[in-house]
N, C-alpha and C. Protein backbone atom coordinates (compact mmCIF):
# COMPACT_ATOMS: atom_id res chain seq x y z
N MET A 1 34.45 -29.75 -93.34
CA MET A 1 35.65 -29.96 -93.51
C MET A 1 36.04 -31.38 -93.79
N GLU A 2 36.82 -31.38 -94.80
CA GLU A 2 37.33 -32.80 -94.92
C GLU A 2 38.12 -33.49 -94.29
N LYS A 3 38.00 -34.62 -93.83
CA LYS A 3 39.15 -35.27 -93.18
C LYS A 3 40.42 -35.94 -94.07
N GLU A 4 41.49 -35.99 -93.42
CA GLU A 4 42.53 -36.34 -94.18
C GLU A 4 43.24 -37.43 -93.86
N LEU A 5 43.76 -38.56 -94.00
CA LEU A 5 44.70 -39.12 -93.63
C LEU A 5 45.91 -39.55 -94.16
N VAL A 6 47.48 -39.63 -93.82
CA VAL A 6 48.54 -39.37 -94.14
C VAL A 6 49.08 -41.06 -94.13
N VAL A 7 49.45 -41.22 -95.27
CA VAL A 7 49.95 -43.02 -94.89
C VAL A 7 51.34 -43.06 -95.57
N LEU A 8 52.34 -43.35 -94.81
CA LEU A 8 53.59 -43.35 -95.29
C LEU A 8 54.08 -44.73 -95.84
N VAL A 9 53.95 -44.48 -97.22
CA VAL A 9 54.37 -46.31 -98.05
C VAL A 9 56.11 -45.96 -97.80
N GLU A 10 56.41 -47.04 -97.64
CA GLU A 10 58.05 -47.25 -97.90
C GLU A 10 58.54 -48.75 -98.43
N GLU A 11 59.24 -48.89 -99.37
CA GLU A 11 59.61 -49.98 -99.78
C GLU A 11 60.23 -50.46 -98.81
N ALA A 12 59.96 -52.18 -98.61
CA ALA A 12 60.29 -53.14 -97.38
C ALA A 12 61.77 -54.01 -97.85
N PRO A 13 62.45 -53.96 -96.58
CA PRO A 13 63.74 -54.60 -97.03
C PRO A 13 63.52 -56.02 -98.02
N GLU A 14 62.61 -56.73 -97.36
CA GLU A 14 62.54 -58.15 -98.13
C GLU A 14 61.38 -58.19 -99.57
N GLY A 15 61.31 -57.01 -99.92
CA GLY A 15 60.53 -56.70 -100.68
C GLY A 15 59.25 -56.14 -100.66
N GLY A 16 58.65 -55.53 -101.96
CA GLY A 16 56.81 -55.27 -101.67
C GLY A 16 57.16 -54.07 -100.92
N PHE A 17 56.16 -53.45 -100.29
CA PHE A 17 55.86 -52.29 -99.73
C PHE A 17 55.12 -52.10 -98.19
N THR A 18 55.70 -51.44 -97.71
CA THR A 18 54.65 -51.35 -96.15
C THR A 18 53.97 -49.52 -96.11
N ALA A 19 53.11 -49.71 -95.44
CA ALA A 19 52.35 -48.42 -95.27
C ALA A 19 51.81 -48.41 -93.98
N LYS A 20 52.15 -46.95 -92.90
CA LYS A 20 51.58 -46.84 -91.81
C LYS A 20 50.80 -45.41 -92.03
N ALA A 21 50.07 -45.83 -91.07
CA ALA A 21 49.27 -44.18 -91.08
C ALA A 21 49.53 -43.41 -89.89
N LEU A 22 49.54 -42.25 -89.97
CA LEU A 22 50.32 -40.97 -89.21
C LEU A 22 49.12 -41.11 -88.26
N GLY A 23 49.34 -41.04 -87.02
CA GLY A 23 48.38 -40.85 -85.79
C GLY A 23 47.40 -41.94 -85.72
N THR A 24 47.42 -42.77 -86.08
CA THR A 24 46.38 -44.06 -86.13
C THR A 24 47.27 -45.02 -85.98
N ALA A 25 46.63 -46.36 -85.45
CA ALA A 25 47.49 -48.03 -85.24
C ALA A 25 46.91 -48.41 -86.46
N LEU A 26 47.45 -48.06 -87.55
CA LEU A 26 46.95 -48.64 -89.14
C LEU A 26 48.33 -48.87 -89.72
N PHE A 27 48.06 -50.23 -90.21
CA PHE A 27 49.45 -50.95 -90.86
C PHE A 27 49.14 -51.64 -91.90
N THR A 28 50.07 -51.80 -93.07
CA THR A 28 49.18 -53.05 -93.42
C THR A 28 50.49 -52.94 -94.97
N ASP A 29 50.38 -54.49 -95.70
CA ASP A 29 51.69 -54.08 -96.99
C ASP A 29 50.92 -54.71 -98.00
N GLY A 30 51.58 -54.64 -98.77
CA GLY A 30 51.63 -55.39 -99.97
C GLY A 30 52.89 -55.53 -101.18
N GLU A 31 52.75 -56.32 -101.98
CA GLU A 31 53.68 -56.84 -103.09
C GLU A 31 54.01 -55.86 -104.06
N THR A 32 52.87 -55.18 -104.57
CA THR A 32 52.85 -53.92 -105.74
C THR A 32 52.09 -52.57 -104.91
N LEU A 33 52.17 -51.76 -105.97
CA LEU A 33 51.79 -50.02 -105.01
C LEU A 33 50.18 -50.49 -105.52
N GLU A 34 49.82 -51.01 -106.28
CA GLU A 34 48.62 -51.67 -106.37
C GLU A 34 47.73 -51.89 -105.20
N GLU A 35 48.52 -53.22 -104.94
CA GLU A 35 47.85 -54.01 -103.57
C GLU A 35 48.19 -53.21 -102.31
N VAL A 36 48.92 -52.23 -102.34
CA VAL A 36 49.12 -51.08 -101.26
C VAL A 36 47.92 -50.42 -100.96
N GLU A 37 47.44 -49.97 -101.94
CA GLU A 37 46.52 -48.54 -102.06
C GLU A 37 45.27 -49.82 -101.74
N ALA A 38 44.86 -51.15 -102.25
CA ALA A 38 44.11 -51.79 -102.06
C ALA A 38 43.65 -52.10 -100.53
N ASN A 39 44.79 -52.67 -100.17
CA ASN A 39 45.04 -52.69 -98.48
C ASN A 39 44.89 -51.52 -97.57
N VAL A 40 45.47 -50.46 -97.87
CA VAL A 40 45.05 -49.37 -97.46
C VAL A 40 43.76 -49.24 -97.45
N ARG A 41 43.00 -48.95 -98.22
CA ARG A 41 41.37 -49.01 -98.32
C ARG A 41 40.98 -50.00 -97.63
N ASP A 42 41.35 -51.25 -97.92
CA ASP A 42 40.69 -52.09 -96.80
C ASP A 42 40.47 -52.08 -95.15
N ALA A 43 41.90 -51.22 -95.11
CA ALA A 43 42.20 -51.09 -93.74
C ALA A 43 41.46 -50.05 -92.88
N ILE A 44 41.48 -48.90 -93.96
CA ILE A 44 40.54 -47.76 -93.25
C ILE A 44 39.46 -48.07 -93.07
N GLN A 45 38.47 -49.09 -94.10
CA GLN A 45 37.12 -49.65 -93.84
C GLN A 45 36.58 -50.64 -92.63
N CYS A 46 37.96 -51.08 -92.19
CA CYS A 46 37.96 -52.16 -91.09
C CYS A 46 38.33 -51.13 -89.75
N HIS A 47 39.12 -50.20 -90.09
CA HIS A 47 39.60 -49.26 -88.79
C HIS A 47 38.52 -48.31 -88.35
N PHE A 48 37.80 -47.81 -89.10
CA PHE A 48 37.01 -46.40 -88.78
C PHE A 48 35.53 -46.93 -88.75
N GLU A 49 34.87 -46.24 -87.96
CA GLU A 49 33.37 -46.27 -88.15
C GLU A 49 33.04 -45.46 -89.48
N GLU A 50 31.67 -45.80 -90.07
CA GLU A 50 31.87 -44.66 -91.60
C GLU A 50 31.78 -43.35 -91.24
N ALA A 51 31.15 -43.09 -90.11
CA ALA A 51 31.14 -41.65 -89.79
C ALA A 51 32.46 -40.86 -89.56
N ASP A 52 33.48 -41.66 -88.99
CA ASP A 52 35.03 -41.08 -88.76
C ASP A 52 35.73 -41.39 -89.69
N ARG A 53 35.64 -42.15 -90.57
CA ARG A 53 36.06 -42.27 -91.85
C ARG A 53 37.02 -41.25 -92.60
N PRO A 54 38.12 -41.03 -93.16
CA PRO A 54 38.57 -40.04 -93.40
C PRO A 54 38.40 -39.88 -95.14
N ARG A 55 37.79 -38.81 -95.40
CA ARG A 55 37.20 -38.62 -96.91
C ARG A 55 38.45 -38.43 -97.85
N VAL A 56 39.72 -38.31 -97.64
CA VAL A 56 40.84 -38.15 -98.21
C VAL A 56 41.96 -38.92 -97.61
N ILE A 57 42.91 -39.72 -98.39
CA ILE A 57 43.92 -40.48 -97.84
C ILE A 57 45.22 -40.16 -99.14
N ARG A 58 46.16 -39.63 -98.43
CA ARG A 58 47.34 -39.07 -98.95
C ARG A 58 48.50 -40.64 -98.77
N LEU A 59 48.63 -40.74 -99.90
CA LEU A 59 50.16 -41.56 -99.96
C LEU A 59 50.92 -40.93 -100.23
N HIS A 60 52.11 -41.31 -99.13
CA HIS A 60 53.29 -40.50 -99.04
C HIS A 60 54.22 -41.14 -99.02
N PHE A 61 54.88 -41.21 -100.33
CA PHE A 61 55.91 -42.40 -100.77
C PHE A 61 57.64 -41.88 -100.27
N VAL A 62 57.86 -42.62 -99.00
CA VAL A 62 59.20 -42.57 -98.78
C VAL A 62 60.35 -43.10 -99.57
N ARG A 63 61.56 -42.77 -99.68
CA ARG A 63 62.24 -43.63 -100.52
C ARG A 63 63.89 -43.35 -100.07
N ASP A 64 64.51 -44.04 -100.08
CA ASP A 64 66.17 -43.53 -99.22
C ASP A 64 66.84 -43.64 -100.99
N HIS A 65 67.57 -42.92 -101.16
CA HIS A 65 68.75 -42.75 -101.75
C HIS A 65 69.96 -42.51 -101.63
N VAL A 66 70.74 -43.49 -101.60
CA VAL A 66 72.56 -43.56 -101.20
C VAL A 66 73.14 -43.27 -102.00
N ILE A 67 74.04 -42.61 -102.06
CA ILE A 67 75.20 -41.97 -103.05
C ILE A 67 76.71 -42.59 -102.16
N ALA A 68 77.53 -42.81 -102.95
CA ALA A 68 78.83 -43.18 -102.25
C ALA A 68 79.53 -41.93 -102.14
N VAL A 69 80.76 -41.75 -101.49
CA VAL A 69 81.04 -40.82 -101.42
C VAL A 69 82.70 -40.89 -101.67
């Protein structure tokens, strides 16, 4: 069975993006979505031993949309 890791990606207030993996102490960021993706891959390689690495990484983009009433 494939292991999957869900990573929440949000826009950072100061610009760029933050990424936090659910269920593990893995956090990274980046200025662009491409940079976040590369940094998530790098963080996973550093955080997990090869045998324990997730085979699927699901980036879940969280975005607030505020409307005036």
